[in-house]
């Protein structure tokens, strides 16, 4: 029994490593996408600043976008996991020839994953939103 536990723990650690790498890469990609959004919307940022929006307001716009992206990504991930639990449990029941073991996603874990998704996207969007806030409105309006 100890060897089975050791194997399961090793597999769990490998899966955690894959998840960590995936989270890091996805956070970097969200930051890059937000930065590209800032570059493409320079004129819009310039107009907002010329109309009286403060640097803080511009930062809030991009932070709100990353918040929504994180929330939707977390919700889509949870819904996908819940849908995949249906065939997953059927496979477990078939392989073990027993209905005693079921895979499940606790509600607290689901909520924690959504919060983690939001936190990572907000963190990834901080630098691009600051760049947007610091942009000069006159230079932004001149650019094409």
N, C-alpha and C. Protein backbone atom coordinates (compact mmCIF):
# COMPACT_ATOMS: atom_id res chain seq x y z
N UNK A 1 0.83 -1.20 0.00
CA UNK A 1 0.00 0.00 0.00
C UNK A 1 0.87 1.26 0.00
N UNK A 2 2.01 1.19 0.69
CA UNK A 2 2.91 2.34 0.75
C UNK A 2 3.46 2.67 -0.63
N UNK A 3 3.77 1.64 -1.42
CA UNK A 3 4.32 1.90 -2.76
C UNK A 3 3.26 2.54 -3.66
N UNK A 4 2.01 2.14 -3.52
CA UNK A 4 0.92 2.75 -4.30
C UNK A 4 0.77 4.22 -3.91
N UNK A 5 0.85 4.50 -2.62
CA UNK A 5 0.76 5.89 -2.14
C UNK A 5 1.92 6.71 -2.67
N UNK A 6 3.12 6.15 -2.67
CA UNK A 6 4.28 6.87 -3.19
C UNK A 6 4.13 7.17 -4.68
N UNK A 7 3.61 6.21 -5.43
CA UNK A 7 3.41 6.42 -6.87
C UNK A 7 2.37 7.50 -7.11
N UNK A 8 1.30 7.48 -6.37
CA UNK A 8 0.25 8.50 -6.51
C UNK A 8 0.79 9.88 -6.14
N UNK A 9 1.58 9.96 -5.08
CA UNK A 9 2.18 11.24 -4.68
C UNK A 9 3.13 11.76 -5.75
N UNK A 10 3.92 10.88 -6.35
CA UNK A 10 4.83 11.28 -7.41
C UNK A 10 4.06 11.79 -8.63
N UNK A 11 3.03 11.07 -9.01
CA UNK A 11 2.20 11.51 -10.14
C UNK A 11 1.55 12.86 -9.83
N UNK A 12 1.10 13.04 -8.62
CA UNK A 12 0.50 14.32 -8.21
C UNK A 12 1.50 15.46 -8.31
N UNK A 13 2.72 15.22 -7.88
CA UNK A 13 3.75 16.26 -7.97
C UNK A 13 4.07 16.62 -9.42
N UNK A 14 4.12 15.63 -10.28
CA UNK A 14 4.37 15.89 -11.71
C UNK A 14 3.22 16.71 -12.29
N UNK A 15 1.99 16.35 -11.95
CA UNK A 15 0.84 17.11 -12.45
C UNK A 15 0.84 18.54 -11.91
N UNK A 16 1.22 18.72 -10.66
CA UNK A 16 1.30 20.07 -10.08
C UNK A 16 2.36 20.89 -10.81
N UNK A 17 3.48 20.26 -11.16
CA UNK A 17 4.52 20.96 -11.90
C UNK A 17 4.00 21.40 -13.27
N UNK A 18 3.26 20.52 -13.95
CA UNK A 18 2.69 20.89 -15.25
C UNK A 18 1.70 22.05 -15.11
N UNK A 19 0.90 22.01 -14.09
CA UNK A 19 -0.08 23.08 -13.85
C UNK A 19 0.64 24.40 -13.56
N UNK A 20 1.69 24.36 -12.77
CA UNK A 20 2.44 25.57 -12.44
C UNK A 20 3.06 26.18 -13.69
N UNK A 21 3.65 25.35 -14.52
CA UNK A 21 4.23 25.84 -15.77
C UNK A 21 3.15 26.43 -16.66
N UNK A 22 2.03 25.76 -16.73
CA UNK A 22 0.91 26.24 -17.54
C UNK A 22 0.41 27.60 -17.04
N UNK A 23 0.30 27.77 -15.73
CA UNK A 23 -0.15 29.04 -15.16
C UNK A 23 0.84 30.16 -15.46
N UNK A 24 2.12 29.88 -15.37
CA UNK A 24 3.14 30.89 -15.65
C UNK A 24 3.08 31.31 -17.11
N UNK A 25 3.02 30.34 -18.00
CA UNK A 25 2.96 30.65 -19.44
C UNK A 25 1.68 31.41 -19.78
N UNK A 26 0.56 30.99 -19.23
CA UNK A 26 -0.69 31.68 -19.55
C UNK A 26 -0.69 33.10 -18.98
N UNK A 27 -0.09 33.31 -17.82
CA UNK A 27 -0.01 34.66 -17.26
C UNK A 27 0.84 35.56 -18.15
N UNK A 28 1.95 35.03 -18.64
CA UNK A 28 2.79 35.80 -19.55
C UNK A 28 2.03 36.14 -20.83
N UNK A 29 1.29 35.18 -21.36
CA UNK A 29 0.52 35.42 -22.58
C UNK A 29 -0.57 36.46 -22.36
N UNK A 30 -1.22 36.43 -21.21
CA UNK A 30 -2.24 37.44 -20.91
C UNK A 30 -1.61 38.82 -20.85
N UNK A 31 -0.42 38.91 -20.23
CA UNK A 31 0.30 40.19 -20.19
C UNK A 31 0.65 40.68 -21.59
N UNK A 32 1.09 39.79 -22.46
CA UNK A 32 1.44 40.16 -23.84
C UNK A 32 0.20 40.62 -24.60
N UNK A 33 -0.90 39.90 -24.43
CA UNK A 33 -2.14 40.27 -25.12
C UNK A 33 -2.64 41.63 -24.64
N UNK A 34 -2.56 41.87 -23.34
CA UNK A 34 -2.97 43.17 -22.81
C UNK A 34 -2.06 44.28 -23.32
N UNK A 35 -0.76 44.00 -23.41
CA UNK A 35 0.18 44.99 -23.93
C UNK A 35 -0.12 45.31 -25.39
N UNK A 36 -0.43 44.29 -26.18
CA UNK A 36 -0.80 44.52 -27.59
C UNK A 36 -2.07 45.34 -27.66
N UNK A 37 -3.02 45.07 -26.77
CA UNK A 37 -4.26 45.85 -26.72
C UNK A 37 -3.96 47.32 -26.43
N UNK A 38 -3.01 47.56 -25.52
CA UNK A 38 -2.61 48.94 -25.21
C UNK A 38 -2.01 49.60 -26.44
N UNK A 39 -1.14 48.90 -27.15
CA UNK A 39 -0.51 49.47 -28.34
C UNK A 39 -1.53 49.77 -29.44
N UNK A 40 -2.50 48.89 -29.61
CA UNK A 40 -3.50 49.08 -30.65
C UNK A 40 -4.51 50.17 -30.30
N UNK A 41 -4.64 50.48 -29.04
CA UNK A 41 -5.65 51.46 -28.62
C UNK A 41 -5.03 52.77 -28.15
N UNK A 42 -3.87 53.10 -28.67
CA UNK A 42 -3.19 54.33 -28.26
C UNK A 42 -4.05 55.56 -28.53
N UNK A 43 -4.69 55.57 -29.69
CA UNK A 43 -5.52 56.72 -30.04
C UNK A 43 -6.71 56.85 -29.08
N UNK A 44 -7.34 55.74 -28.76
CA UNK A 44 -8.44 55.75 -27.81
C UNK A 44 -7.99 56.26 -26.44
N UNK A 45 -6.81 55.81 -26.01
CA UNK A 45 -6.26 56.27 -24.73
C UNK A 45 -6.00 57.77 -24.78
N UNK A 46 -5.46 58.24 -25.91
CA UNK A 46 -5.21 59.67 -26.07
C UNK A 46 -6.48 60.49 -26.02
N UNK A 47 -7.53 60.00 -26.66
CA UNK A 47 -8.81 60.71 -26.65
C UNK A 47 -9.38 60.76 -25.24
N UNK A 48 -9.33 59.62 -24.54
CA UNK A 48 -9.82 59.59 -23.16
C UNK A 48 -9.05 60.58 -22.28
N UNK A 49 -7.74 60.60 -22.44
CA UNK A 49 -6.93 61.52 -21.63
C UNK A 49 -7.23 62.97 -22.01
N UNK A 50 -7.43 63.24 -23.30
CA UNK A 50 -7.73 64.61 -23.74
C UNK A 50 -9.10 65.06 -23.24
N UNK A 51 -10.02 64.11 -23.05
CA UNK A 51 -11.34 64.45 -22.54
C UNK A 51 -11.36 64.59 -21.02
N UNK A 52 -10.25 64.32 -20.37
CA UNK A 52 -10.17 64.54 -18.93
C UNK A 52 -10.02 63.30 -18.08
N UNK A 53 -9.86 62.14 -18.70
CA UNK A 53 -9.66 60.93 -17.91
C UNK A 53 -8.28 60.97 -17.27
N UNK A 54 -8.22 60.60 -16.01
CA UNK A 54 -6.94 60.61 -15.32
C UNK A 54 -6.16 59.34 -15.64
N UNK A 55 -4.90 59.33 -15.23
CA UNK A 55 -4.08 58.13 -15.42
C UNK A 55 -4.71 56.95 -14.67
N UNK A 56 -5.27 57.23 -13.52
CA UNK A 56 -5.91 56.19 -12.73
C UNK A 56 -7.11 55.60 -13.47
N UNK A 57 -7.87 56.45 -14.17
CA UNK A 57 -9.03 55.96 -14.94
C UNK A 57 -8.59 55.04 -16.07
N UNK A 58 -7.50 55.39 -16.74
CA UNK A 58 -6.99 54.55 -17.83
C UNK A 58 -6.54 53.20 -17.28
N UNK A 59 -5.85 53.23 -16.14
CA UNK A 59 -5.42 51.98 -15.51
C UNK A 59 -6.63 51.13 -15.14
N UNK A 60 -7.69 51.77 -14.64
CA UNK A 60 -8.90 51.04 -14.26
C UNK A 60 -9.56 50.36 -15.46
N UNK A 61 -9.51 51.00 -16.62
CA UNK A 61 -10.11 50.41 -17.82
C UNK A 61 -9.43 49.09 -18.15
N UNK A 62 -8.11 49.09 -18.18
CA UNK A 62 -7.39 47.87 -18.54
C UNK A 62 -7.44 46.83 -17.42
N UNK A 63 -7.45 47.28 -16.17
CA UNK A 63 -7.60 46.33 -15.06
C UNK A 63 -8.98 45.68 -15.08
N UNK A 64 -10.00 46.45 -15.45
CA UNK A 64 -11.35 45.87 -15.55
C UNK A 64 -11.39 44.82 -16.66
N UNK A 65 -10.73 45.10 -17.77
CA UNK A 65 -10.69 44.12 -18.86
C UNK A 65 -10.00 42.83 -18.43
N UNK A 66 -8.88 42.96 -17.74
CA UNK A 66 -8.18 41.75 -17.30
C UNK A 66 -8.98 41.02 -16.22
N UNK A 67 -9.69 41.75 -15.37
CA UNK A 67 -10.55 41.13 -14.36
C UNK A 67 -11.63 40.29 -15.03
N UNK A 68 -12.28 40.87 -16.02
CA UNK A 68 -13.35 40.15 -16.73
C UNK A 68 -12.78 38.93 -17.46
N UNK A 69 -11.61 39.10 -18.07
CA UNK A 69 -10.96 37.97 -18.74
C UNK A 69 -10.67 36.84 -17.76
N UNK A 70 -10.13 37.19 -16.60
CA UNK A 70 -9.82 36.19 -15.59
C UNK A 70 -11.06 35.50 -15.05
N UNK A 71 -12.11 36.27 -14.80
CA UNK A 71 -13.35 35.69 -14.28
C UNK A 71 -13.97 34.74 -15.30
N UNK A 72 -14.04 35.17 -16.56
CA UNK A 72 -14.61 34.30 -17.59
C UNK A 72 -13.76 33.05 -17.80
N UNK A 73 -12.44 33.21 -17.79
CA UNK A 73 -11.56 32.04 -17.96
C UNK A 73 -11.76 31.06 -16.81
N UNK A 74 -11.85 31.56 -15.60
CA UNK A 74 -12.07 30.69 -14.45
C UNK A 74 -13.40 29.97 -14.52
N UNK A 75 -14.43 30.69 -14.89
CA UNK A 75 -15.76 30.09 -14.98
C UNK A 75 -15.81 29.04 -16.09
N UNK A 76 -15.22 29.35 -17.24
CA UNK A 76 -15.18 28.39 -18.35
C UNK A 76 -14.39 27.15 -17.93
N UNK A 77 -13.29 27.34 -17.21
CA UNK A 77 -12.50 26.21 -16.74
C UNK A 77 -13.27 25.33 -15.77
N UNK A 78 -14.02 25.93 -14.85
CA UNK A 78 -14.80 25.17 -13.89
C UNK A 78 -15.93 24.40 -14.59
N UNK A 79 -16.62 25.06 -15.51
CA UNK A 79 -17.70 24.40 -16.25
C UNK A 79 -17.14 23.23 -17.06
N UNK A 80 -15.99 23.44 -17.70
CA UNK A 80 -15.37 22.36 -18.47
C UNK A 80 -15.00 21.19 -17.56
N UNK A 81 -14.43 21.49 -16.40
CA UNK A 81 -14.08 20.42 -15.45
C UNK A 81 -15.31 19.66 -15.00
N UNK A 82 -16.39 20.37 -14.71
CA UNK A 82 -17.62 19.70 -14.27
C UNK A 82 -18.20 18.82 -15.38
N UNK A 83 -18.11 19.29 -16.61
CA UNK A 83 -18.61 18.47 -17.73
C UNK A 83 -17.73 17.23 -17.91
N UNK A 84 -16.40 17.39 -17.76
CA UNK A 84 -15.50 16.25 -17.92
C UNK A 84 -15.59 15.25 -16.77
N UNK A 85 -16.15 15.68 -15.64
CA UNK A 85 -16.34 14.75 -14.53
C UNK A 85 -17.34 13.64 -14.86
N UNK A 86 -18.29 13.94 -15.73
CA UNK A 86 -19.32 12.95 -16.08
C UNK A 86 -18.68 11.74 -16.76
N UNK A 87 -17.97 11.93 -17.90
CA UNK A 87 -17.34 10.74 -18.49
C UNK A 87 -16.19 10.20 -17.64
N UNK A 88 -15.53 11.08 -16.90
CA UNK A 88 -14.44 10.63 -16.03
C UNK A 88 -14.92 9.66 -14.97
N UNK A 89 -16.04 9.98 -14.35
CA UNK A 89 -16.61 9.07 -13.34
C UNK A 89 -17.06 7.76 -13.97
N UNK A 90 -17.62 7.83 -15.17
CA UNK A 90 -18.03 6.60 -15.85
C UNK A 90 -16.82 5.71 -16.14
N UNK A 91 -15.72 6.31 -16.53
CA UNK A 91 -14.50 5.53 -16.80
C UNK A 91 -13.98 4.92 -15.50
N UNK A 92 -13.98 5.70 -14.43
CA UNK A 92 -13.53 5.19 -13.12
C UNK A 92 -14.41 4.01 -12.68
N UNK A 93 -15.70 4.17 -12.83
CA UNK A 93 -16.62 3.10 -12.42
C UNK A 93 -16.42 1.84 -13.27
N UNK A 94 -16.16 2.04 -14.57
CA UNK A 94 -15.97 0.89 -15.46
C UNK A 94 -14.66 0.17 -15.13
N UNK A 95 -13.59 0.93 -14.95
CA UNK A 95 -12.28 0.33 -14.69
C UNK A 95 -12.26 -0.38 -13.35
N UNK A 96 -12.84 0.24 -12.34
CA UNK A 96 -12.82 -0.35 -10.99
C UNK A 96 -13.98 -1.31 -10.75
N UNK A 97 -14.93 -1.35 -11.65
CA UNK A 97 -16.13 -2.18 -11.50
C UNK A 97 -16.82 -1.90 -10.16
N UNK A 98 -16.85 -0.63 -9.82
CA UNK A 98 -17.45 -0.22 -8.55
C UNK A 98 -17.94 1.21 -8.67
N UNK A 99 -19.05 1.51 -8.01
CA UNK A 99 -19.57 2.87 -7.99
C UNK A 99 -19.23 3.60 -6.69
N UNK A 100 -18.33 3.04 -5.92
CA UNK A 100 -18.01 3.63 -4.62
C UNK A 100 -17.11 4.86 -4.72
N UNK A 101 -16.27 4.93 -5.75
CA UNK A 101 -15.32 6.03 -5.88
C UNK A 101 -15.82 6.98 -6.97
N UNK A 102 -15.91 8.26 -6.64
CA UNK A 102 -16.34 9.28 -7.59
C UNK A 102 -15.38 10.46 -7.54
N UNK A 103 -15.05 10.97 -8.69
CA UNK A 103 -14.28 12.21 -8.76
C UNK A 103 -15.27 13.37 -8.60
N UNK A 104 -14.83 14.40 -7.90
CA UNK A 104 -15.72 15.55 -7.70
C UNK A 104 -14.89 16.82 -7.59
N UNK A 105 -15.54 17.94 -7.74
CA UNK A 105 -14.91 19.25 -7.58
C UNK A 105 -15.65 19.99 -6.47
N UNK A 106 -15.03 20.10 -5.30
CA UNK A 106 -15.69 20.81 -4.21
C UNK A 106 -15.93 22.28 -4.56
N UNK A 107 -17.01 22.83 -4.06
CA UNK A 107 -17.39 24.21 -4.37
C UNK A 107 -16.33 25.20 -3.88
N UNK A 108 -15.69 24.90 -2.75
CA UNK A 108 -14.65 25.81 -2.25
C UNK A 108 -13.43 25.80 -3.16
N UNK A 109 -13.09 24.63 -3.69
CA UNK A 109 -11.98 24.54 -4.63
C UNK A 109 -12.31 25.28 -5.92
N UNK A 110 -13.54 25.14 -6.39
CA UNK A 110 -13.95 25.84 -7.61
C UNK A 110 -13.87 27.35 -7.43
N UNK A 111 -14.37 27.83 -6.30
CA UNK A 111 -14.30 29.26 -6.02
C UNK A 111 -12.85 29.72 -5.90
N UNK A 112 -12.02 28.92 -5.26
CA UNK A 112 -10.60 29.26 -5.14
C UNK A 112 -9.92 29.33 -6.48
N UNK A 113 -10.27 28.43 -7.39
CA UNK A 113 -9.67 28.45 -8.73
C UNK A 113 -10.10 29.68 -9.52
N UNK A 114 -11.34 30.09 -9.36
CA UNK A 114 -11.80 31.31 -10.04
C UNK A 114 -11.06 32.52 -9.48
N UNK A 115 -10.90 32.59 -8.16
CA UNK A 115 -10.16 33.69 -7.55
C UNK A 115 -8.70 33.69 -8.02
N UNK A 116 -8.09 32.50 -8.10
CA UNK A 116 -6.72 32.40 -8.59
C UNK A 116 -6.62 32.87 -10.03
N UNK A 117 -7.58 32.52 -10.85
CA UNK A 117 -7.59 32.95 -12.25
C UNK A 117 -7.67 34.47 -12.35
N UNK A 118 -8.53 35.06 -11.56
CA UNK A 118 -8.68 36.52 -11.57
C UNK A 118 -7.39 37.18 -11.08
N UNK A 119 -6.81 36.65 -10.01
CA UNK A 119 -5.58 37.24 -9.46
C UNK A 119 -4.43 37.16 -10.46
N UNK A 120 -4.30 36.03 -11.14
CA UNK A 120 -3.21 35.89 -12.11
C UNK A 120 -3.39 36.82 -13.30
N UNK A 121 -4.62 36.97 -13.78
CA UNK A 121 -4.81 37.88 -14.92
C UNK A 121 -4.61 39.33 -14.50
N UNK A 122 -5.04 39.70 -13.30
CA UNK A 122 -4.80 41.07 -12.83
C UNK A 122 -3.31 41.33 -12.68
N UNK A 123 -2.59 40.36 -12.15
CA UNK A 123 -1.15 40.50 -12.00
C UNK A 123 -0.47 40.64 -13.37
N UNK A 124 -0.91 39.83 -14.33
CA UNK A 124 -0.33 39.88 -15.67
C UNK A 124 -0.66 41.19 -16.39
N UNK A 125 -1.76 41.82 -16.04
CA UNK A 125 -2.16 43.05 -16.71
C UNK A 125 -1.66 44.32 -16.05
N UNK A 126 -0.95 44.22 -14.94
CA UNK A 126 -0.50 45.42 -14.24
C UNK A 126 0.46 46.28 -15.06
N UNK A 127 1.49 45.67 -15.61
CA UNK A 127 2.48 46.44 -16.37
C UNK A 127 1.87 47.09 -17.62
N UNK A 128 1.10 46.35 -18.42
CA UNK A 128 0.50 47.00 -19.59
C UNK A 128 -0.46 48.13 -19.22
N UNK A 129 -1.21 47.97 -18.13
CA UNK A 129 -2.15 49.04 -17.75
C UNK A 129 -1.39 50.27 -17.26
N UNK A 130 -0.27 50.08 -16.59
CA UNK A 130 0.55 51.23 -16.18
C UNK A 130 1.15 51.93 -17.39
N UNK A 131 1.58 51.14 -18.39
CA UNK A 131 2.12 51.74 -19.61
C UNK A 131 1.05 52.58 -20.30
N UNK A 132 -0.17 52.07 -20.32
CA UNK A 132 -1.27 52.81 -20.94
C UNK A 132 -1.52 54.11 -20.19
N UNK A 133 -1.46 54.07 -18.88
CA UNK A 133 -1.72 55.26 -18.07
C UNK A 133 -0.64 56.31 -18.24
N UNK A 134 0.59 55.88 -18.47
CA UNK A 134 1.71 56.82 -18.58
C UNK A 134 1.87 57.41 -19.97
N UNK A 135 1.09 56.90 -20.94
CA UNK A 135 1.26 57.40 -22.31
C UNK A 135 0.83 58.86 -22.41
N UNK A 136 1.57 59.59 -23.22
CA UNK A 136 1.32 61.01 -23.44
C UNK A 136 0.11 61.16 -24.37
N UNK A 137 -0.92 61.92 -23.96
CA UNK A 137 -2.12 62.03 -24.81
C UNK A 137 -1.84 62.69 -26.16
N UNK A 138 -0.95 63.66 -26.18
CA UNK A 138 -0.65 64.35 -27.45
C UNK A 138 0.05 63.40 -28.41
N UNK A 139 1.03 62.66 -27.91
CA UNK A 139 1.73 61.70 -28.77
C UNK A 139 0.78 60.59 -29.22
N UNK A 140 -0.13 60.18 -28.35
CA UNK A 140 -1.08 59.12 -28.72
C UNK A 140 -2.03 59.59 -29.80
N UNK A 141 -2.44 60.87 -29.73
CA UNK A 141 -3.36 61.39 -30.75
C UNK A 141 -2.66 61.60 -32.08
N UNK A 142 -1.36 61.87 -32.05
CA UNK A 142 -0.60 62.05 -33.29
C UNK A 142 -0.37 60.73 -34.01
N UNK A 143 -0.28 59.64 -33.26
CA UNK A 143 0.05 58.35 -33.87
C UNK A 143 -1.12 57.84 -34.70
N UNK A 144 -0.80 57.04 -35.65
CA UNK A 144 -1.82 56.48 -36.55
C UNK A 144 -2.09 55.07 -36.24
